N, C-alpha and C. Protein backbone atom coordinates (compact mmCIF):
# COMPACT_ATOMS: atom_id res chain seq x y z
N MET A 1 26.79 -30.90 19.86
CA MET A 1 27.21 -29.50 19.84
C MET A 1 28.14 -29.28 18.64
N PRO A 2 27.92 -28.22 17.87
CA PRO A 2 28.76 -27.99 16.68
C PRO A 2 30.18 -27.57 17.06
N GLU A 3 31.10 -27.83 16.16
CA GLU A 3 32.49 -27.41 16.36
C GLU A 3 32.56 -25.89 16.34
N THR A 4 33.37 -25.31 17.23
CA THR A 4 33.49 -23.85 17.31
C THR A 4 34.89 -23.41 16.90
N TYR A 5 34.99 -22.15 16.51
CA TYR A 5 36.21 -21.59 15.95
C TYR A 5 36.49 -20.20 16.50
N SER A 6 37.72 -19.75 16.34
CA SER A 6 38.08 -18.37 16.64
C SER A 6 37.69 -17.50 15.44
N PHE A 7 37.68 -16.19 15.61
CA PHE A 7 37.33 -15.32 14.50
C PHE A 7 38.34 -15.42 13.37
N SER A 8 39.63 -15.56 13.69
CA SER A 8 40.63 -15.67 12.61
C SER A 8 40.38 -16.91 11.76
N GLU A 9 39.97 -18.01 12.38
CA GLU A 9 39.63 -19.21 11.61
C GLU A 9 38.38 -18.99 10.76
N ILE A 10 37.40 -18.34 11.34
CA ILE A 10 36.14 -18.07 10.62
C ILE A 10 36.37 -17.09 9.48
N LEU A 11 37.27 -16.13 9.66
CA LEU A 11 37.54 -15.17 8.59
C LEU A 11 38.02 -15.89 7.32
N GLU A 12 38.86 -16.88 7.47
CA GLU A 12 39.31 -17.66 6.31
C GLU A 12 38.13 -18.38 5.65
N HIS A 13 37.23 -18.90 6.46
CA HIS A 13 36.02 -19.55 5.96
C HIS A 13 35.16 -18.56 5.18
N LEU A 14 35.02 -17.34 5.71
CA LEU A 14 34.24 -16.29 5.04
C LEU A 14 34.87 -15.91 3.70
N LYS A 15 36.19 -15.79 3.67
CA LYS A 15 36.89 -15.41 2.45
C LYS A 15 36.70 -16.44 1.34
N GLN A 16 36.41 -17.67 1.72
CA GLN A 16 36.20 -18.74 0.74
C GLN A 16 34.72 -18.88 0.37
N GLY A 17 33.91 -17.91 0.78
CA GLY A 17 32.50 -17.92 0.40
C GLY A 17 31.54 -18.50 1.44
N GLY A 18 32.08 -18.90 2.60
CA GLY A 18 31.23 -19.47 3.64
C GLY A 18 30.49 -18.40 4.43
N LYS A 19 29.63 -18.85 5.31
CA LYS A 19 28.95 -17.94 6.22
C LYS A 19 29.10 -18.48 7.64
N ALA A 20 28.93 -17.61 8.63
CA ALA A 20 29.18 -18.00 10.01
C ALA A 20 28.31 -17.20 10.97
N SER A 21 28.17 -17.74 12.17
CA SER A 21 27.45 -17.06 13.24
C SER A 21 28.14 -17.40 14.56
N ARG A 22 27.69 -16.74 15.61
CA ARG A 22 28.20 -17.06 16.94
C ARG A 22 27.15 -17.87 17.67
N SER A 23 27.60 -18.89 18.36
CA SER A 23 26.64 -19.72 19.11
C SER A 23 25.99 -18.92 20.23
N GLY A 24 26.63 -17.83 20.68
CA GLY A 24 26.09 -17.00 21.73
C GLY A 24 25.08 -15.95 21.27
N TRP A 25 24.90 -15.80 19.96
CA TRP A 25 23.93 -14.82 19.47
C TRP A 25 22.51 -15.25 19.82
N ASN A 26 21.70 -14.30 20.25
CA ASN A 26 20.33 -14.60 20.64
C ASN A 26 19.45 -14.97 19.46
N GLY A 27 19.59 -14.25 18.35
CA GLY A 27 18.71 -14.45 17.20
C GLY A 27 19.10 -15.64 16.35
N LYS A 28 18.19 -16.58 16.20
CA LYS A 28 18.44 -17.73 15.33
C LYS A 28 18.28 -17.29 13.88
N GLY A 29 19.13 -17.81 13.02
CA GLY A 29 19.07 -17.47 11.60
C GLY A 29 19.96 -16.32 11.20
N GLN A 30 20.60 -15.65 12.17
CA GLN A 30 21.54 -14.57 11.84
C GLN A 30 22.86 -15.18 11.39
N TYR A 31 23.50 -14.55 10.42
CA TYR A 31 24.83 -14.99 10.02
C TYR A 31 25.55 -13.85 9.32
N ILE A 32 26.88 -13.97 9.22
CA ILE A 32 27.70 -13.01 8.50
C ILE A 32 28.28 -13.68 7.27
N LYS A 33 28.62 -12.86 6.29
CA LYS A 33 29.16 -13.35 5.03
C LYS A 33 29.94 -12.21 4.38
N VAL A 34 30.86 -12.51 3.48
CA VAL A 34 31.62 -11.50 2.76
C VAL A 34 30.95 -11.21 1.43
N GLN A 35 30.86 -9.93 1.09
CA GLN A 35 30.38 -9.51 -0.24
C GLN A 35 31.59 -9.06 -1.04
N TYR A 36 31.78 -9.67 -2.19
CA TYR A 36 32.81 -9.25 -3.12
C TYR A 36 32.13 -8.43 -4.20
N PRO A 37 32.48 -7.14 -4.34
CA PRO A 37 31.82 -6.30 -5.34
C PRO A 37 31.93 -6.90 -6.74
N ASP A 38 30.87 -6.72 -7.51
CA ASP A 38 30.85 -7.20 -8.89
C ASP A 38 30.16 -6.15 -9.76
N GLU A 39 29.79 -6.51 -10.96
CA GLU A 39 29.18 -5.54 -11.88
C GLU A 39 27.83 -5.02 -11.40
N HIS A 40 27.21 -5.70 -10.43
CA HIS A 40 25.91 -5.26 -9.91
C HIS A 40 26.04 -4.39 -8.66
N SER A 41 27.26 -4.21 -8.16
CA SER A 41 27.48 -3.43 -6.94
C SER A 41 27.41 -1.93 -7.24
N ALA A 42 27.07 -1.18 -6.21
CA ALA A 42 27.08 0.28 -6.33
C ALA A 42 28.51 0.73 -6.62
N PRO A 43 28.69 1.79 -7.41
CA PRO A 43 30.04 2.25 -7.76
C PRO A 43 30.94 2.55 -6.56
N CYS A 44 30.35 2.91 -5.43
CA CYS A 44 31.17 3.23 -4.26
C CYS A 44 31.64 1.97 -3.53
N ASN A 45 31.07 0.81 -3.84
CA ASN A 45 31.50 -0.44 -3.21
C ASN A 45 32.56 -1.10 -4.08
N THR A 46 33.82 -0.80 -3.77
CA THR A 46 34.92 -1.31 -4.59
C THR A 46 35.79 -2.34 -3.88
N LEU A 47 35.58 -2.53 -2.60
CA LEU A 47 36.36 -3.50 -1.82
C LEU A 47 35.41 -4.49 -1.13
N PRO A 48 35.90 -5.70 -0.83
CA PRO A 48 35.05 -6.65 -0.10
C PRO A 48 34.68 -6.10 1.27
N TYR A 49 33.51 -6.52 1.76
CA TYR A 49 33.06 -6.13 3.10
C TYR A 49 32.21 -7.25 3.69
N ILE A 50 32.08 -7.24 5.01
CA ILE A 50 31.28 -8.24 5.70
C ILE A 50 29.90 -7.65 5.98
N PHE A 51 28.87 -8.45 5.74
CA PHE A 51 27.51 -8.04 6.07
C PHE A 51 26.88 -9.10 6.96
N ILE A 52 25.80 -8.72 7.62
CA ILE A 52 25.04 -9.65 8.46
C ILE A 52 23.63 -9.76 7.91
N ILE A 53 23.09 -10.95 7.95
CA ILE A 53 21.68 -11.18 7.69
C ILE A 53 21.03 -11.24 9.06
N THR A 54 20.11 -10.35 9.33
CA THR A 54 19.46 -10.27 10.63
C THR A 54 18.37 -11.33 10.77
N VAL A 55 17.82 -11.42 11.97
CA VAL A 55 16.72 -12.35 12.24
C VAL A 55 15.54 -12.07 11.31
N GLN A 56 15.34 -10.79 10.97
CA GLN A 56 14.24 -10.40 10.08
C GLN A 56 14.57 -10.63 8.60
N GLY A 57 15.77 -11.11 8.32
CA GLY A 57 16.17 -11.37 6.94
C GLY A 57 16.73 -10.16 6.23
N GLU A 58 17.00 -9.09 6.97
CA GLU A 58 17.55 -7.88 6.37
C GLU A 58 19.07 -7.98 6.30
N ARG A 59 19.63 -7.40 5.26
CA ARG A 59 21.07 -7.42 5.04
C ARG A 59 21.64 -6.04 5.33
N VAL A 60 22.60 -5.97 6.27
CA VAL A 60 23.21 -4.70 6.63
C VAL A 60 24.72 -4.89 6.83
N PRO A 61 25.52 -3.85 6.61
CA PRO A 61 26.96 -3.96 6.87
C PRO A 61 27.20 -4.33 8.33
N TRP A 62 28.27 -5.08 8.57
CA TRP A 62 28.58 -5.56 9.91
C TRP A 62 30.00 -5.17 10.28
N LEU A 63 30.17 -4.76 11.52
CA LEU A 63 31.48 -4.41 12.05
C LEU A 63 31.70 -5.20 13.32
N ALA A 64 32.78 -5.94 13.39
CA ALA A 64 33.07 -6.78 14.56
C ALA A 64 33.38 -5.94 15.78
N SER A 65 32.86 -6.37 16.92
CA SER A 65 33.19 -5.75 18.20
C SER A 65 34.45 -6.43 18.76
N GLN A 66 35.00 -5.87 19.81
CA GLN A 66 36.14 -6.50 20.48
C GLN A 66 35.77 -7.90 20.94
N THR A 67 34.56 -8.04 21.45
CA THR A 67 34.10 -9.35 21.92
C THR A 67 34.00 -10.35 20.77
N ASP A 68 33.48 -9.90 19.62
CA ASP A 68 33.39 -10.78 18.45
C ASP A 68 34.77 -11.25 18.01
N LEU A 69 35.73 -10.34 18.00
CA LEU A 69 37.09 -10.67 17.54
C LEU A 69 37.77 -11.67 18.46
N MET A 70 37.50 -11.60 19.75
CA MET A 70 38.17 -12.47 20.72
C MET A 70 37.40 -13.76 21.01
N ALA A 71 36.18 -13.86 20.52
CA ALA A 71 35.32 -15.00 20.82
C ALA A 71 35.83 -16.28 20.16
N THR A 72 35.55 -17.39 20.82
CA THR A 72 35.88 -18.71 20.27
C THR A 72 34.63 -19.57 20.12
N ASP A 73 33.47 -18.90 19.99
CA ASP A 73 32.21 -19.63 19.82
C ASP A 73 31.62 -19.46 18.42
N TRP A 74 32.47 -19.15 17.45
CA TRP A 74 32.01 -19.01 16.05
C TRP A 74 31.73 -20.39 15.48
N VAL A 75 30.65 -20.48 14.69
CA VAL A 75 30.30 -21.74 14.01
C VAL A 75 30.12 -21.48 12.53
N LYS A 76 30.47 -22.48 11.74
CA LYS A 76 30.27 -22.40 10.29
C LYS A 76 28.82 -22.74 9.99
N GLU A 77 28.19 -21.92 9.16
CA GLU A 77 26.80 -22.14 8.75
C GLU A 77 26.78 -22.78 7.37
N VAL A 78 25.76 -23.55 7.12
CA VAL A 78 25.61 -24.17 5.78
C VAL A 78 24.56 -23.46 4.97
């Protein structure tokens, strides 16, 4: 069984370029990651944000729920 983390621990991992998922998520292959705007970003994207890669491989903005924030089943993805 992989080591699990709180969201605050995972947030530090994300800030360093890592990606993460919850062991309780139904969809395999889903993960979250931080996007740091660069010269290829849309002009309105000026601050870092978290996005999720869905099971279908689509990338969409992600907003943590209360359950996500309090969960301790976060895992680091490679």
